PDB file of N, CA and C in Angstrom:
ATOM      1  N   MET A   1     -28.011 -43.184  22.288  1.00  0.00           N
ATOM      2  CA  MET A   1     -27.301 -42.005  22.730  1.00  0.00           C
ATOM      3  C   MET A   1     -26.863 -41.221  21.500  1.00  0.00           C
ATOM      4  N   ALA A   2     -26.859 -39.918  21.661  1.00  0.00           N
ATOM      5  CA  ALA A   2     -26.334 -39.036  20.626  1.00  0.00           C
ATOM      6  C   ALA A   2     -25.247 -38.172  21.246  1.00  0.00           C
ATOM      7  N   ALA A   3     -24.162 -38.006  20.523  1.00  0.00           N
ATOM      8  CA  ALA A   3     -23.081 -37.118  20.958  1.00  0.00           C
ATOM      9  C   ALA A   3     -23.259 -35.787  20.237  1.00  0.00           C
ATOM     10  N   LEU A   4     -23.246 -34.705  20.989  1.00  0.00           N
ATOM     11  CA  LEU A   4     -23.454 -33.372  20.430  1.00  0.00           C
ATOM     12  C   LEU A   4     -22.256 -32.482  20.698  1.00  0.00           C
ATOM     13  N   VAL A   5     -21.962 -31.626  19.727  1.00  0.00           N
ATOM     14  CA  VAL A   5     -20.960 -30.580  19.893  1.00  0.00           C
ATOM     15  C   VAL A   5     -21.690 -29.261  19.719  1.00  0.00           C
ATOM     16  N   LEU A   6     -21.688 -28.455  20.763  1.00  0.00           N
ATOM     17  CA  LEU A   6     -22.373 -27.170  20.705  1.00  0.00           C
ATOM     18  C   LEU A   6     -21.454 -26.106  20.126  1.00  0.00           C
ATOM     19  N   ARG A   7     -22.050 -25.130  19.482  1.00  0.00           N
ATOM     20  CA  ARG A   7     -21.270 -23.995  18.987  1.00  0.00           C
ATOM     21  C   ARG A   7     -20.677 -23.246  20.170  1.00  0.00           C
ATOM     22  N   PRO A   8     -19.511 -22.639  19.975  1.00  0.00           N
ATOM     23  CA  PRO A   8     -18.899 -21.878  21.078  1.00  0.00           C
ATOM     24  C   PRO A   8     -19.860 -20.800  21.594  1.00  0.00           C
ATOM     25  N   GLY A   9     -19.966 -20.723  22.898  1.00  0.00           N
ATOM     26  CA  GLY A   9     -20.818 -19.727  23.534  1.00  0.00           C
ATOM     27  C   GLY A   9     -22.277 -20.132  23.653  1.00  0.00           C
ATOM     28  N   CYS A  10     -22.645 -21.281  23.119  1.00  0.00           N
ATOM     29  CA  CYS A  10     -24.035 -21.746  23.185  1.00  0.00           C
ATOM     30  C   CYS A  10     -24.188 -22.760  24.302  1.00  0.00           C
ATOM     31  N   ARG A  11     -25.414 -22.873  24.790  1.00  0.00           N
ATOM     32  CA  ARG A  11     -25.715 -23.909  25.774  1.00  0.00           C
ATOM     33  C   ARG A  11     -26.980 -24.625  25.351  1.00  0.00           C
ATOM     34  N   LEU A  12     -27.155 -25.829  25.834  1.00  0.00           N
ATOM     35  CA  LEU A  12     -28.283 -26.661  25.435  1.00  0.00           C
ATOM     36  C   LEU A  12     -29.479 -26.385  26.335  1.00  0.00           C
ATOM     37  N   ASP A  13     -30.610 -26.135  25.733  1.00  0.00           N
ATOM     38  CA  ASP A  13     -31.876 -25.975  26.449  1.00  0.00           C
ATOM     39  C   ASP A  13     -32.619 -27.303  26.314  1.00  0.00           C
ATOM     40  N   GLY A  14     -32.619 -28.094  27.377  1.00  0.00           N
ATOM     41  CA  GLY A  14     -33.193 -29.437  27.342  1.00  0.00           C
ATOM     42  C   GLY A  14     -34.681 -29.460  27.037  1.00  0.00           C
ATOM     43  N   ALA A  15     -35.432 -28.485  27.538  1.00  0.00           N
ATOM     44  CA  ALA A  15     -36.872 -28.436  27.282  1.00  0.00           C
ATOM     45  C   ALA A  15     -37.142 -28.057  25.825  1.00  0.00           C
ATOM     46  N   ARG A  16     -36.389 -27.134  25.312  1.00  0.00           N
ATOM     47  CA  ARG A  16     -36.585 -26.709  23.919  1.00  0.00           C
ATOM     48  C   ARG A  16     -36.222 -27.839  22.945  1.00  0.00           C
ATOM     49  N   LEU A  17     -35.140 -28.541  23.235  1.00  0.00           N
ATOM     50  CA  LEU A  17     -34.755 -29.671  22.395  1.00  0.00           C
ATOM     51  C   LEU A  17     -35.839 -30.750  22.427  1.00  0.00           C
ATOM     52  N   TYR A  18     -36.392 -31.014  23.592  1.00  0.00           N
ATOM     53  CA  TYR A  18     -37.471 -32.000  23.728  1.00  0.00           C
ATOM     54  C   TYR A  18     -38.659 -31.620  22.846  1.00  0.00           C
ATOM     55  N   ARG A  19     -39.080 -30.354  22.911  1.00  0.00           N
ATOM     56  CA  ARG A  19     -40.210 -29.892  22.084  1.00  0.00           C
ATOM     57  C   ARG A  19     -39.887 -30.007  20.597  1.00  0.00           C
ATOM     58  N   HIS A  20     -38.659 -29.683  20.231  1.00  0.00           N
ATOM     59  CA  HIS A  20     -38.231 -29.758  18.838  1.00  0.00           C
ATOM     60  C   HIS A  20     -38.304 -31.205  18.331  1.00  0.00           C
ATOM     61  N   LEU A  21     -37.813 -32.133  19.120  1.00  0.00           N
ATOM     62  CA  LEU A  21     -37.859 -33.539  18.736  1.00  0.00           C
ATOM     63  C   LEU A  21     -39.294 -34.054  18.662  1.00  0.00           C
ATOM     64  N   GLN A  22     -40.157 -33.581  19.549  1.00  0.00           N
ATOM     65  CA  GLN A  22     -41.567 -33.971  19.528  1.00  0.00           C
ATOM     66  C   GLN A  22     -42.211 -33.601  18.197  1.00  0.00           C
ATOM     67  N   GLU A  23     -41.838 -32.453  17.665  1.00  0.00           N
ATOM     68  CA  GLU A  23     -42.418 -31.979  16.404  1.00  0.00           C
ATOM     69  C   GLU A  23     -41.878 -32.741  15.196  1.00  0.00           C
ATOM     70  N   LEU A  24     -40.613 -33.185  15.256  1.00  0.00           N
ATOM     71  CA  LEU A  24     -39.961 -33.734  14.076  1.00  0.00           C
ATOM     72  C   LEU A  24     -39.871 -35.256  14.007  1.00  0.00           C
ATOM     73  N   LEU A  25     -39.769 -35.908  15.153  1.00  0.00           N
ATOM     74  CA  LEU A  25     -39.493 -37.343  15.159  1.00  0.00           C
ATOM     75  C   LEU A  25     -40.534 -38.114  15.959  1.00  0.00           C
ATOM     76  N   PRO A  26     -40.758 -39.373  15.593  1.00  0.00           N
ATOM     77  CA  PRO A  26     -41.613 -40.212  16.435  1.00  0.00           C
ATOM     78  C   PRO A  26     -40.861 -40.566  17.724  1.00  0.00           C
ATOM     79  N   PRO A  27     -41.580 -40.843  18.799  1.00  0.00           N
ATOM     80  CA  PRO A  27     -40.923 -41.087  20.095  1.00  0.00           C
ATOM     81  C   PRO A  27     -39.850 -42.170  20.073  1.00  0.00           C
ATOM     82  N   TYR A  28     -40.016 -43.213  19.261  1.00  0.00           N
ATOM     83  CA  TYR A  28     -39.001 -44.270  19.250  1.00  0.00           C
ATOM     84  C   TYR A  28     -37.669 -43.792  18.688  1.00  0.00           C
ATOM     85  N   ALA A  29     -37.653 -42.665  17.986  1.00  0.00           N
ATOM     86  CA  ALA A  29     -36.426 -42.158  17.378  1.00  0.00           C
ATOM     87  C   ALA A  29     -35.715 -41.124  18.247  1.00  0.00           C
ATOM     88  N   TRP A  30     -36.309 -40.722  19.368  1.00  0.00           N
ATOM     89  CA  TRP A  30     -35.671 -39.739  20.240  1.00  0.00           C
ATOM     90  C   TRP A  30     -34.494 -40.384  20.958  1.00  0.00           C
ATOM     91  N   PRO A  31     -33.339 -39.736  20.977  1.00  0.00           N
ATOM     92  CA  PRO A  31     -32.234 -40.297  21.765  1.00  0.00           C
ATOM     93  C   PRO A  31     -32.579 -40.241  23.255  1.00  0.00           C
ATOM     94  N   ARG A  32     -32.335 -41.323  23.938  1.00  0.00           N
ATOM     95  CA  ARG A  32     -32.623 -41.355  25.382  1.00  0.00           C
ATOM     96  C   ARG A  32     -31.519 -40.674  26.182  1.00  0.00           C
ATOM     97  N   PHE A  33     -30.307 -40.702  25.656  1.00  0.00           N
ATOM     98  CA  PHE A  33     -29.169 -40.083  26.325  1.00  0.00           C
ATOM     99  C   PHE A  33     -28.470 -39.135  25.363  1.00  0.00           C
ATOM    100  N   LEU A  34     -27.937 -38.044  25.913  1.00  0.00           N
ATOM    101  CA  LEU A  34     -27.129 -37.099  25.144  1.00  0.00           C
ATOM    102  C   LEU A  34     -25.788 -36.946  25.831  1.00  0.00           C
ATOM    103  N   ARG A  35     -24.761 -36.813  25.026  1.00  0.00           N
ATOM    104  CA  ARG A  35     -23.408 -36.610  25.543  1.00  0.00           C
ATOM    105  C   ARG A  35     -22.876 -35.333  24.900  1.00  0.00           C
ATOM    106  N   LEU A  36     -22.563 -34.341  25.711  1.00  0.00           N
ATOM    107  CA  LEU A  36     -22.069 -33.067  25.201  1.00  0.00           C
ATOM    108  C   LEU A  36     -20.550 -33.109  25.153  1.00  0.00           C
ATOM    109  N   GLN A  37     -19.997 -32.876  23.980  1.00  0.00           N
ATOM    110  CA  GLN A  37     -18.553 -32.940  23.789  1.00  0.00           C
ATOM    111  C   GLN A  37     -18.034 -31.629  23.216  1.00  0.00           C
ATOM    112  N   GLU A  38     -16.747 -31.399  23.411  1.00  0.00           N
ATOM    113  CA  GLU A  38     -16.112 -30.213  22.837  1.00  0.00           C
ATOM    114  C   GLU A  38     -15.819 -30.411  21.362  1.00  0.00           C
ATOM    115  N   ARG A  39     -15.553 -31.666  20.979  1.00  0.00           N
ATOM    116  CA  ARG A  39     -15.284 -31.991  19.576  1.00  0.00           C
ATOM    117  C   ARG A  39     -15.541 -33.475  19.371  1.00  0.00           C
ATOM    118  N   LEU A  40     -15.748 -33.863  18.114  1.00  0.00           N
ATOM    119  CA  LEU A  40     -15.917 -35.273  17.773  1.00  0.00           C
ATOM    120  C   LEU A  40     -14.591 -35.831  17.294  1.00  0.00           C
ATOM    121  N   ASP A  41     -14.205 -36.986  17.795  1.00  0.00           N
ATOM    122  CA  ASP A  41     -12.982 -37.643  17.345  1.00  0.00           C
ATOM    123  C   ASP A  41     -13.214 -38.215  15.957  1.00  0.00           C
ATOM    124  N   MET A  42     -12.271 -37.967  15.050  1.00  0.00           N
ATOM    125  CA  MET A  42     -12.396 -38.423  13.667  1.00  0.00           C
ATOM    126  C   MET A  42     -11.179 -39.263  13.283  1.00  0.00           C
ATOM    127  N   THR A  43     -11.389 -40.138  12.294  1.00  0.00           N
ATOM    128  CA  THR A  43     -10.293 -40.919  11.732  1.00  0.00           C
ATOM    129  C   THR A  43      -9.600 -40.079  10.663  1.00  0.00           C
ATOM    130  N   GLU A  44      -8.573 -40.652  10.052  1.00  0.00           N
ATOM    131  CA  GLU A  44      -7.857 -39.950   8.992  1.00  0.00           C
ATOM    132  C   GLU A  44      -8.744 -39.712   7.777  1.00  0.00           C
ATOM    133  N   THR A  45      -9.788 -40.526   7.620  1.00  0.00           N
ATOM    134  CA  THR A  45     -10.699 -40.386   6.475  1.00  0.00           C
ATOM    135  C   THR A  45     -11.996 -39.671   6.886  1.00  0.00           C
ATOM    136  N   PHE A  46     -11.945 -38.942   7.976  1.00  0.00           N
ATOM    137  CA  PHE A  46     -13.044 -38.100   8.455  1.00  0.00           C
ATOM    138  C   PHE A  46     -14.306 -38.867   8.831  1.00  0.00           C
ATOM    139  N   LYS A  47     -14.123 -40.069   9.333  1.00  0.00           N
ATOM    140  CA  LYS A  47     -15.239 -40.835   9.883  1.00  0.00           C
ATOM    141  C   LYS A  47     -15.223 -40.668  11.399  1.00  0.00           C
ATOM    142  N   GLN A  48     -16.402 -40.651  11.996  1.00  0.00           N
ATOM    143  CA  GLN A  48     -16.480 -40.504  13.444  1.00  0.00           C
ATOM    144  C   GLN A  48     -15.998 -41.782  14.130  1.00  0.00           C
ATOM    145  N   GLN A  49     -15.217 -41.601  15.188  1.00  0.00           N
ATOM    146  CA  GLN A  49     -14.756 -42.738  15.989  1.00  0.00           C
ATOM    147  C   GLN A  49     -15.782 -42.987  17.092  1.00  0.00           C
ATOM    148  N   LYS A  50     -16.665 -43.936  16.843  1.00  0.00           N
ATOM    149  CA  LYS A  50     -17.755 -44.204  17.771  1.00  0.00           C
ATOM    150  C   LYS A  50     -17.449 -45.346  18.730  1.00  0.00           C
ATOM    151  N   GLY A  51     -16.390 -46.086  18.475  1.00  0.00           N
ATOM    152  CA  GLY A  51     -16.074 -47.237  19.312  1.00  0.00           C
ATOM    153  C   GLY A  51     -15.837 -46.877  20.767  1.00  0.00           C
ATOM    154  N   ARG A  52     -15.062 -45.839  21.009  1.00  0.00           N
ATOM    155  CA  ARG A  52     -14.789 -45.413  22.389  1.00  0.00           C
ATOM    156  C   ARG A  52     -16.071 -44.969  23.073  1.00  0.00           C
ATOM    157  N   LEU A  53     -16.907 -44.236  22.356  1.00  0.00           N
ATOM    158  CA  LEU A  53     -18.163 -43.767  22.947  1.00  0.00           C
ATOM    159  C   LEU A  53     -19.043 -44.957  23.329  1.00  0.00           C
ATOM    160  N   ALA A  54     -19.103 -45.951  22.464  1.00  0.00           N
ATOM    161  CA  ALA A  54     -19.916 -47.140  22.744  1.00  0.00           C
ATOM    162  C   ALA A  54     -19.360 -47.911  23.942  1.00  0.00           C
ATOM    163  N   ARG A  55     -18.038 -48.028  24.032  1.00  0.00           N
ATOM    164  CA  ARG A  55     -17.430 -48.762  25.158  1.00  0.00           C
ATOM    165  C   ARG A  55     -17.693 -48.045  26.482  1.00  0.00           C
ATOM    166  N   GLU A  56     -17.604 -46.722  26.494  1.00  0.00           N
ATOM    167  CA  GLU A  56     -17.806 -45.977  27.734  1.00  0.00           C
ATOM    168  C   GLU A  56     -19.265 -45.967  28.163  1.00  0.00           C
ATOM    169  N   GLY A  57     -20.184 -46.048  27.210  1.00  0.00           N
ATOM    170  CA  GLY A  57     -21.608 -46.082  27.545  1.00  0.00           C
ATOM    171  C   GLY A  57     -22.088 -44.761  28.126  1.00  0.00           C
ATOM    172  N   CYS A  58     -23.003 -44.862  29.081  1.00  0.00           N
ATOM    173  CA  CYS A  58     -23.588 -43.646  29.648  1.00  0.00           C
ATOM    174  C   CYS A  58     -23.537 -43.620  31.168  1.00  0.00           C
ATOM    175  N   ASP A  59     -22.588 -44.325  31.752  1.00  0.00           N
ATOM    176  CA  ASP A  59     -22.390 -44.294  33.201  1.00  0.00           C
ATOM    177  C   ASP A  59     -21.626 -43.021  33.544  1.00  0.00           C
ATOM    178  N   PRO A  60     -22.222 -42.110  34.338  1.00  0.00           N
ATOM    179  CA  PRO A  60     -21.544 -40.857  34.661  1.00  0.00           C
ATOM    180  C   PRO A  60     -20.211 -41.048  35.391  1.00  0.00           C
ATOM    181  N   ALA A  61     -20.008 -42.202  36.012  1.00  0.00           N
ATOM    182  CA  ALA A  61     -18.743 -42.463  36.694  1.00  0.00           C
ATOM    183  C   ALA A  61     -17.619 -42.739  35.697  1.00  0.00           C
ATOM    184  N   CYS A  62     -17.974 -43.150  34.475  1.00  0.00           N
ATOM    185  CA  CYS A  62     -16.973 -43.508  33.464  1.00  0.00           C
ATOM    186  C   CYS A  62     -16.793 -42.442  32.392  1.00  0.00           C
ATOM    187  N   VAL A  63     -17.684 -41.483  32.327  1.00  0.00           N
ATOM    188  CA  VAL A  63     -17.673 -40.489  31.253  1.00  0.00           C
ATOM    189  C   VAL A  63     -17.362 -39.116  31.831  1.00  0.00           C
ATOM    190  N   ALA A  64     -16.382 -38.450  31.270  1.00  0.00           N
ATOM    191  CA  ALA A  64     -15.981 -37.134  31.773  1.00  0.00           C
ATOM    192  C   ALA A  64     -16.882 -36.008  31.259  1.00  0.00           C
ATOM    193  N   GLU A  65     -17.451 -36.191  30.064  1.00  0.00           N
ATOM    194  CA  GLU A  65     -18.290 -35.147  29.477  1.00  0.00           C
ATOM    195  C   GLU A  65     -19.664 -35.114  30.143  1.00  0.00           C
ATOM    196  N   PRO A  66     -20.349 -33.968  30.046  1.00  0.00           N
ATOM    197  CA  PRO A  66     -21.713 -33.890  30.599  1.00  0.00           C
ATOM    198  C   PRO A  66     -22.659 -34.837  29.870  1.00  0.00           C
ATOM    199  N   LEU A  67     -23.500 -35.501  30.637  1.00  0.00           N
ATOM    200  CA  LEU A  67     -24.502 -36.422  30.102  1.00  0.00           C
ATOM    201  C   LEU A  67     -25.887 -35.916  30.475  1.00  0.00           C
ATOM    202  N   LEU A  68     -26.820 -36.115  29.560  1.00  0.00           N
ATOM    203  CA  LEU A  68     -28.211 -35.765  29.810  1.00  0.00           C
ATOM    204  C   LEU A  68     -29.067 -36.983  29.492  1.00  0.00           C
ATOM    205  N   VAL A  69     -30.224 -37.063  30.134  1.00  0.00           N
ATOM    206  CA  VAL A  69     -31.151 -38.162  29.896  1.00  0.00           C
ATOM    207  C   VAL A  69     -32.524 -37.581  29.602  1.00  0.00           C
ATOM    208  N   LEU A  70     -33.273 -38.264  28.771  1.00  0.00           N
ATOM    209  CA  LEU A  70     -34.623 -37.855  28.420  1.00  0.00           C
ATOM    210  C   LEU A  70     -35.541 -38.094  29.612  1.00  0.00           C
ATOM    211  N   ASP A  71     -36.187 -37.046  30.086  1.00  0.00           N
ATOM    212  CA  ASP A  71     -37.166 -37.148  31.170  1.00  0.00           C
ATOM    213  C   ASP A  71     -38.515 -36.734  30.585  1.00  0.00           C
ATOM    214  N   ALA A  72     -39.295 -37.725  30.148  1.00  0.00           N
ATOM    215  CA  ALA A  72     -40.571 -37.442  29.494  1.00  0.00           C
ATOM    216  C   ALA A  72     -41.551 -36.769  30.449  1.00  0.00           C
ATOM    217  N   ALA A  73     -41.503 -37.113  31.729  1.00  0.00           N
ATOM    218  CA  ALA A  73     -42.412 -36.505  32.701  1.00  0.00           C
ATOM    219  C   ALA A  73     -42.158 -35.007  32.831  1.00  0.00           C
ATOM    220  N   ALA A  74     -40.882 -34.615  32.778  1.00  0.00           N
ATOM    221  CA  ALA A  74     -40.522 -33.200  32.865  1.00  0.00           C
ATOM    222  C   ALA A  74     -40.593 -32.523  31.498  1.00  0.00           C
ATOM    223  N   GLY A  75     -40.642 -33.311  30.435  1.00  0.00           N
ATOM    224  CA  GLY A  75     -40.670 -32.748  29.088  1.00  0.00           C
ATOM    225  C   GLY A  75     -39.371 -32.068  28.720  1.00  0.00           C
ATOM    226  N   ALA A  76     -38.249 -32.701  29.114  1.00  0.00           N
ATOM    227  CA  ALA A  76     -36.948 -32.075  28.872  1.00  0.00           C
ATOM    228  C   ALA A  76     -35.843 -33.119  28.984  1.00  0.00           C
ATOM    229  N   TYR A  77     -34.676 -32.734  28.512  1.00  0.00           N
ATOM    230  CA  TYR A  77     -33.460 -33.500  28.781  1.00  0.00           C
ATOM    231  C   TYR A  77     -32.858 -32.896  30.039  1.00  0.00           C
ATOM    232  N   VAL A  78     -32.548 -33.744  31.015  1.00  0.00           N
ATOM    233  CA  VAL A  78     -32.021 -33.295  32.299  1.00  0.00           C
ATOM    234  C   VAL A  78     -30.666 -33.942  32.554  1.00  0.00           C
ATOM    235  N   ALA A  79     -29.899 -33.347  33.440  1.00  0.00           N
ATOM    236  CA  ALA A  79     -28.561 -33.853  33.760  1.00  0.00           C
ATOM    237  C   ALA A  79     -28.652 -35.278  34.308  1.00  0.00           C
ATOM    238  N   LEU A  80     -27.733 -36.108  33.870  1.00  0.00           N
ATOM    239  CA  LEU A  80     -27.660 -37.490  34.333  1.00  0.00           C
ATOM    240  C   LEU A  80     -26.552 -37.576  35.373  1.00  0.00           C
ATOM    241  N   GLY A  81     -26.960 -37.622  36.635  1.00  0.00           N
ATOM    242  CA  GLY A  81     -26.004 -37.741  37.728  1.00  0.00           C
ATOM    243  C   GLY A  81     -25.940 -39.167  38.238  1.00  0.00           C
ATOM    244  N   ALA A  82     -25.130 -39.378  39.252  1.00  0.00           N
ATOM    245  CA  ALA A  82     -24.926 -40.723  39.793  1.00  0.00           C
ATOM    246  C   ALA A  82     -26.221 -41.325  40.335  1.00  0.00           C
ATOM    247  N   GLN A  83     -27.023 -40.528  41.056  1.00  0.00           N
ATOM    248  CA  GLN A  83     -28.257 -41.067  41.633  1.00  0.00           C
ATOM    249  C   GLN A  83     -29.267 -41.431  40.552  1.00  0.00           C
ATOM    250  N   ARG A  84     -29.424 -40.569  39.570  1.00  0.00           N
ATOM    251  CA  ARG A  84     -30.371 -40.855  38.485  1.00  0.00           C
ATOM    252  C   ARG A  84     -29.917 -42.096  37.713  1.00  0.00           C
ATOM    253  N   TRP A  85     -28.597 -42.226  37.493  1.00  0.00           N
ATOM    254  CA  TRP A  85     -28.070 -43.401  36.803  1.00  0.00           C
ATOM    255  C   TRP A  85     -28.340 -44.667  37.618  1.00  0.00           C
ATOM    256  N   ALA A  86     -28.149 -44.603  38.933  1.00  0.00           N
ATOM    257  CA  ALA A  86     -28.410 -45.753  39.794  1.00  0.00           C
ATOM    258  C   ALA A  86     -29.897 -46.138  39.735  1.00  0.00           C
ATOM    259  N   ASP A  87     -30.782 -45.141  39.674  1.00  0.00           N
ATOM    260  CA  ASP A  87     -32.211 -45.426  39.555  1.00  0.00           C
ATOM    261  C   ASP A  87     -32.544 -46.098  38.221  1.00  0.00           C
ATOM    262  N   ILE A  88     -31.892 -45.656  37.146  1.00  0.00           N
ATOM    263  CA  ILE A  88     -32.117 -46.276  35.838  1.00  0.00           C
ATOM    264  C   ILE A  88     -31.602 -47.712  35.834  1.00  0.00           C
ATOM    265  N   ALA A  89     -30.400 -47.906  36.353  1.00  0.00           N
ATOM    266  CA  ALA A  89     -29.786 -49.242  36.364  1.00  0.00           C
ATOM    267  C   ALA A  89     -30.584 -50.223  37.222  1.00  0.00           C
ATOM    268  N   ALA A  90     -31.183 -49.720  38.308  1.00  0.00           N
ATOM    269  CA  ALA A  90     -31.962 -50.591  39.196  1.00  0.00           C
ATOM    270  C   ALA A  90     -33.402 -50.778  38.712  1.00  0.00           C
ATOM    271  N   GLY A  91     -33.799 -50.055  37.666  1.00  0.00           N
ATOM    272  CA  GLY A  91     -35.158 -50.184  37.147  1.00  0.00           C
ATOM    273  C   GLY A  91     -36.189 -49.338  37.868  1.00  0.00           C
ATOM    274  N   ARG A  92     -35.734 -48.454  38.768  1.00  0.00           N
ATOM    275  CA  ARG A  92     -36.676 -47.581  39.473  1.00  0.00           C
ATOM    276  C   ARG A  92     -37.110 -46.402  38.602  1.00  0.00           C
ATOM    277  N   LEU A  93     -36.304 -46.067  37.613  1.00  0.00           N
ATOM    278  CA  LEU A  93     -36.624 -44.984  36.680  1.00  0.00           C
ATOM    279  C   LEU A  93     -36.640 -45.582  35.292  1.00  0.00           C
ATOM    280  N   ARG A  94     -37.799 -45.538  34.656  1.00  0.00           N
ATOM    281  CA  ARG A  94     -37.951 -46.153  33.343  1.00  0.00           C
ATOM    282  C   ARG A  94     -37.719 -45.116  32.251  1.00  0.00           C
ATOM    283  N   LEU A  95     -37.133 -45.585  31.164  1.00  0.00           N
ATOM    284  CA  LEU A  95     -36.916 -44.729  30.010  1.00  0.00           C
ATOM    285  C   LEU A  95     -38.023 -44.986  29.034  1.00  0.00           C
TER     286      LEU A  95
END
């Protein structure tokens, strides 16, 4: 998973990001999940606080921020809702 902070007034284009990653990174390096945040939590020494993000995981029921998942068939990052998460957890939707 990667946590992203978008510039004010910008929105994420999931298909464009997918194409961009295809050009720059091998498939094993693509983040399977994205978490859109307003800001990144930092420590006093300006290190990212990743522990909370790791504990919360990517269950949409536990995370308040928008989540996206890599959908290779659609060639885009798409919204991760409760049904899609249930399909992933049950193995009906493969990453």
